[in-house]
Amino acid sequence: MIKAMNRKQLPKSFFLLIAVFSLFSFLFVNLHSGFAKSQVCPNVKIEQAKMEDSDDSKATNIPIPDITVIERLWRLAQKVVETAS
C-alpha cells in the first residue's frame, strides 16, 4: 500500500515542481528586464570618430608582383591555345 501511494505522489510532485520552477523563471526574467530597462540612461550620446585627412593625400602606386603578371599572361596564353585548337 505504501509503495503504491509513493508512485502516485511522485508524478504529482514532479509536475508541481516543474510548475513552480516555470513560474519563478517567468517572474525572474520579466522583473529583471524591467529593472534593467529602468537603469539605462536615455540621454547618452555616442560620438563617432571622424576620419582625419592625412598629409599624404596623393594616390600611392602599389606595385603588382611579377608573379601575378606572369600568371595572368600564362592563363591568357592557355585560353588562346584552347580556342585555337
N, C-alpha and C. Protein backbone atom coordinates (compact mmCIF):
# COMPACT_ATOMS: atom_id res chain seq x y z
N MET A 1 0.80 -1.18 0.00
CA MET A 1 0.00 0.00 0.00
C MET A 1 0.86 1.26 0.00
N ILE A 2 1.90 1.29 0.78
CA ILE A 2 2.74 2.48 0.89
C ILE A 2 3.47 2.72 -0.43
N LYS A 3 3.94 1.65 -1.08
CA LYS A 3 4.64 1.80 -2.35
C LYS A 3 3.70 2.36 -3.42
N ALA A 4 2.47 1.93 -3.41
CA ALA A 4 1.51 2.41 -4.39
C ALA A 4 1.22 3.89 -4.20
N MET A 5 1.20 4.35 -2.97
CA MET A 5 0.95 5.77 -2.69
C MET A 5 2.14 6.62 -3.14
N ASN A 6 3.35 6.12 -2.95
CA ASN A 6 4.53 6.87 -3.35
C ASN A 6 4.57 7.03 -4.87
N ARG A 7 4.16 6.02 -5.58
CA ARG A 7 4.17 6.08 -7.05
C ARG A 7 3.17 7.11 -7.55
N LYS A 8 2.03 7.25 -6.89
CA LYS A 8 1.02 8.22 -7.30
C LYS A 8 1.46 9.65 -6.96
N GLN A 9 2.16 9.84 -5.88
CA GLN A 9 2.57 11.18 -5.46
C GLN A 9 3.78 11.68 -6.26
N LEU A 10 4.60 10.78 -6.76
CA LEU A 10 5.79 11.19 -7.48
C LEU A 10 5.46 12.02 -8.72
N PRO A 11 4.57 11.59 -9.60
CA PRO A 11 4.26 12.43 -10.76
C PRO A 11 3.62 13.76 -10.36
N LYS A 12 2.78 13.74 -9.35
CA LYS A 12 2.14 14.99 -8.92
C LYS A 12 3.18 15.97 -8.38
N SER A 13 4.11 15.49 -7.59
CA SER A 13 5.12 16.38 -7.03
C SER A 13 6.10 16.85 -8.12
N PHE A 14 6.35 15.97 -9.09
CA PHE A 14 7.24 16.34 -10.19
C PHE A 14 6.62 17.46 -11.02
N PHE A 15 5.33 17.33 -11.36
CA PHE A 15 4.65 18.36 -12.13
C PHE A 15 4.50 19.65 -11.34
N LEU A 16 4.30 19.53 -10.03
CA LEU A 16 4.23 20.72 -9.19
C LEU A 16 5.58 21.43 -9.17
N LEU A 17 6.65 20.67 -9.09
CA LEU A 17 7.99 21.26 -9.11
C LEU A 17 8.25 21.97 -10.44
N ILE A 18 7.83 21.37 -11.54
CA ILE A 18 8.01 21.99 -12.86
C ILE A 18 7.19 23.27 -12.95
N ALA A 19 5.96 23.26 -12.44
CA ALA A 19 5.11 24.45 -12.49
C ALA A 19 5.68 25.58 -11.65
N VAL A 20 6.18 25.27 -10.46
CA VAL A 20 6.78 26.30 -9.61
C VAL A 20 8.05 26.86 -10.25
N PHE A 21 8.86 26.01 -10.82
CA PHE A 21 10.08 26.47 -11.49
C PHE A 21 9.76 27.37 -12.68
N SER A 22 8.76 26.99 -13.47
CA SER A 22 8.36 27.79 -14.62
C SER A 22 7.86 29.16 -14.20
N LEU A 23 7.04 29.19 -13.14
CA LEU A 23 6.54 30.46 -12.63
C LEU A 23 7.67 31.34 -12.12
N PHE A 24 8.59 30.75 -11.37
CA PHE A 24 9.74 31.51 -10.86
C PHE A 24 10.59 32.06 -12.01
N SER A 25 10.82 31.24 -13.03
CA SER A 25 11.61 31.68 -14.18
C SER A 25 10.93 32.82 -14.91
N PHE A 26 9.63 32.71 -15.11
CA PHE A 26 8.86 33.76 -15.79
C PHE A 26 8.95 35.07 -15.02
N LEU A 27 8.75 35.00 -13.72
CA LEU A 27 8.81 36.21 -12.90
C LEU A 27 10.22 36.79 -12.88
N PHE A 28 11.23 35.96 -12.75
CA PHE A 28 12.60 36.45 -12.70
C PHE A 28 12.98 37.17 -13.98
N VAL A 29 12.66 36.58 -15.12
CA VAL A 29 13.03 37.19 -16.40
C VAL A 29 12.31 38.52 -16.59
N ASN A 30 11.03 38.56 -16.30
CA ASN A 30 10.28 39.80 -16.50
C ASN A 30 10.70 40.89 -15.53
N LEU A 31 10.91 40.54 -14.28
CA LEU A 31 11.33 41.55 -13.31
C LEU A 31 12.75 42.04 -13.61
N HIS A 32 13.62 41.15 -13.99
CA HIS A 32 15.00 41.53 -14.31
C HIS A 32 15.03 42.46 -15.52
N SER A 33 14.24 42.17 -16.54
CA SER A 33 14.23 43.03 -17.72
C SER A 33 13.63 44.39 -17.39
N GLY A 34 12.66 44.43 -16.50
CA GLY A 34 12.07 45.70 -16.08
C GLY A 34 13.06 46.56 -15.32
N PHE A 35 13.84 45.97 -14.45
CA PHE A 35 14.83 46.74 -13.71
C PHE A 35 16.00 47.14 -14.60
N ALA A 36 16.36 46.30 -15.54
CA ALA A 36 17.48 46.61 -16.43
C ALA A 36 17.12 47.78 -17.35
N LYS A 37 15.88 47.86 -17.81
CA LYS A 37 15.47 48.96 -18.67
C LYS A 37 15.42 50.27 -17.91
N SER A 38 15.04 50.24 -16.65
CA SER A 38 14.93 51.48 -15.88
C SER A 38 16.30 52.05 -15.51
N GLN A 39 17.35 51.23 -15.53
CA GLN A 39 18.67 51.71 -15.15
C GLN A 39 19.47 52.27 -16.31
N VAL A 40 19.00 52.11 -17.53
CA VAL A 40 19.70 52.62 -18.70
C VAL A 40 19.46 54.11 -18.81
N CYS A 41 20.50 54.86 -19.04
CA CYS A 41 20.39 56.31 -19.17
C CYS A 41 19.97 56.64 -20.60
N PRO A 42 18.82 57.28 -20.81
CA PRO A 42 18.34 57.52 -22.17
C PRO A 42 19.04 58.69 -22.87
N ASN A 43 19.77 59.54 -22.14
CA ASN A 43 20.37 60.74 -22.74
C ASN A 43 21.82 60.54 -23.13
N VAL A 44 22.24 59.34 -23.32
CA VAL A 44 23.63 59.07 -23.68
C VAL A 44 23.80 59.28 -25.18
N LYS A 45 24.79 60.08 -25.54
CA LYS A 45 25.09 60.31 -26.95
C LYS A 45 26.41 59.63 -27.27
N ILE A 46 26.40 58.85 -28.33
CA ILE A 46 27.60 58.16 -28.75
C ILE A 46 28.21 58.94 -29.90
N GLU A 47 29.43 59.37 -29.71
CA GLU A 47 30.10 60.14 -30.75
C GLU A 47 30.88 59.20 -31.65
N GLN A 48 30.76 59.46 -32.93
CA GLN A 48 31.50 58.65 -33.88
C GLN A 48 32.81 59.35 -34.22
N ALA A 49 33.85 58.56 -34.35
CA ALA A 49 35.15 59.10 -34.69
C ALA A 49 35.15 59.55 -36.15
N LYS A 50 35.72 60.73 -36.39
CA LYS A 50 35.78 61.24 -37.76
C LYS A 50 37.11 60.85 -38.38
N MET A 51 37.08 60.65 -39.67
CA MET A 51 38.30 60.30 -40.38
C MET A 51 39.12 61.57 -40.56
N GLU A 52 40.38 61.47 -40.27
CA GLU A 52 41.27 62.61 -40.44
C GLU A 52 41.97 62.52 -41.79
N ASP A 53 42.14 63.66 -42.42
CA ASP A 53 42.88 63.70 -43.67
C ASP A 53 44.36 63.58 -43.36
N SER A 54 45.00 62.70 -44.07
CA SER A 54 46.43 62.54 -43.85
C SER A 54 47.18 63.51 -44.75
N ASP A 55 48.43 63.74 -44.41
CA ASP A 55 49.26 64.65 -45.19
C ASP A 55 49.55 64.08 -46.57
N ASP A 56 49.59 62.77 -46.66
CA ASP A 56 49.87 62.12 -47.94
C ASP A 56 48.55 61.83 -48.65
N SER A 57 47.96 62.86 -49.21
CA SER A 57 46.69 62.67 -49.89
C SER A 57 46.89 62.22 -51.34
N LYS A 58 48.15 62.09 -51.74
CA LYS A 58 48.44 61.63 -53.10
C LYS A 58 48.11 60.15 -53.20
N ALA A 59 47.73 59.74 -54.40
CA ALA A 59 47.45 58.32 -54.63
C ALA A 59 48.76 57.56 -54.63
N THR A 60 48.80 56.50 -53.86
CA THR A 60 50.02 55.70 -53.80
C THR A 60 49.92 54.59 -54.83
N ASN A 61 50.99 54.37 -55.52
CA ASN A 61 51.04 53.30 -56.51
C ASN A 61 51.55 52.03 -55.84
N ILE A 62 50.71 51.03 -55.83
CA ILE A 62 51.09 49.75 -55.24
C ILE A 62 51.63 48.88 -56.37
N PRO A 63 52.88 48.46 -56.26
CA PRO A 63 53.44 47.65 -57.34
C PRO A 63 52.79 46.27 -57.39
N ILE A 64 52.54 45.81 -58.60
CA ILE A 64 51.98 44.47 -58.81
C ILE A 64 53.14 43.49 -58.85
N PRO A 65 53.09 42.42 -58.07
CA PRO A 65 54.18 41.45 -58.10
C PRO A 65 54.34 40.83 -59.48
N ASP A 66 55.57 40.50 -59.83
CA ASP A 66 55.86 39.93 -61.14
C ASP A 66 55.16 38.59 -61.33
N ILE A 67 55.00 37.83 -60.26
CA ILE A 67 54.39 36.51 -60.36
C ILE A 67 52.94 36.64 -60.82
N THR A 68 52.26 37.67 -60.34
CA THR A 68 50.87 37.87 -60.72
C THR A 68 50.77 38.18 -62.22
N VAL A 69 51.66 39.00 -62.72
CA VAL A 69 51.65 39.34 -64.14
C VAL A 69 51.95 38.11 -64.98
N ILE A 70 52.94 37.33 -64.55
CA ILE A 70 53.29 36.11 -65.29
C ILE A 70 52.13 35.13 -65.28
N GLU A 71 51.45 35.00 -64.15
CA GLU A 71 50.33 34.07 -64.05
C GLU A 71 49.20 34.51 -64.98
N ARG A 72 48.93 35.79 -65.04
CA ARG A 72 47.88 36.29 -65.93
C ARG A 72 48.24 36.03 -67.39
N LEU A 73 49.49 36.27 -67.75
CA LEU A 73 49.92 36.00 -69.12
C LEU A 73 49.82 34.51 -69.45
N TRP A 74 50.17 33.65 -68.48
CA TRP A 74 50.11 32.21 -68.68
C TRP A 74 48.66 31.76 -68.91
N ARG A 75 47.71 32.27 -68.11
CA ARG A 75 46.30 31.90 -68.27
C ARG A 75 45.76 32.41 -69.60
N LEU A 76 46.16 33.61 -69.99
CA LEU A 76 45.72 34.15 -71.27
C LEU A 76 46.24 33.30 -72.43
N ALA A 77 47.51 32.87 -72.31
CA ALA A 77 48.09 32.02 -73.34
C ALA A 77 47.36 30.68 -73.41
N GLN A 78 46.98 30.12 -72.26
CA GLN A 78 46.24 28.86 -72.25
C GLN A 78 44.88 29.00 -72.93
N LYS A 79 44.20 30.14 -72.68
CA LYS A 79 42.91 30.35 -73.31
C LYS A 79 43.05 30.49 -74.82
N VAL A 80 44.11 31.18 -75.27
CA VAL A 80 44.34 31.35 -76.69
C VAL A 80 44.62 30.01 -77.36
N VAL A 81 45.42 29.17 -76.68
CA VAL A 81 45.75 27.85 -77.23
C VAL A 81 44.50 26.98 -77.29
N GLU A 82 43.65 27.05 -76.26
CA GLU A 82 42.42 26.24 -76.23
C GLU A 82 41.47 26.67 -77.34
N THR A 83 41.36 27.95 -77.56
CA THR A 83 40.43 28.42 -78.61
C THR A 83 41.00 28.17 -80.01
N ALA A 84 42.32 28.13 -80.14
CA ALA A 84 42.94 27.88 -81.43
C ALA A 84 42.86 26.40 -81.82
N SER A 85 42.77 25.55 -80.81
CA SER A 85 42.74 24.09 -81.09
C SER A 85 41.43 23.64 -81.64
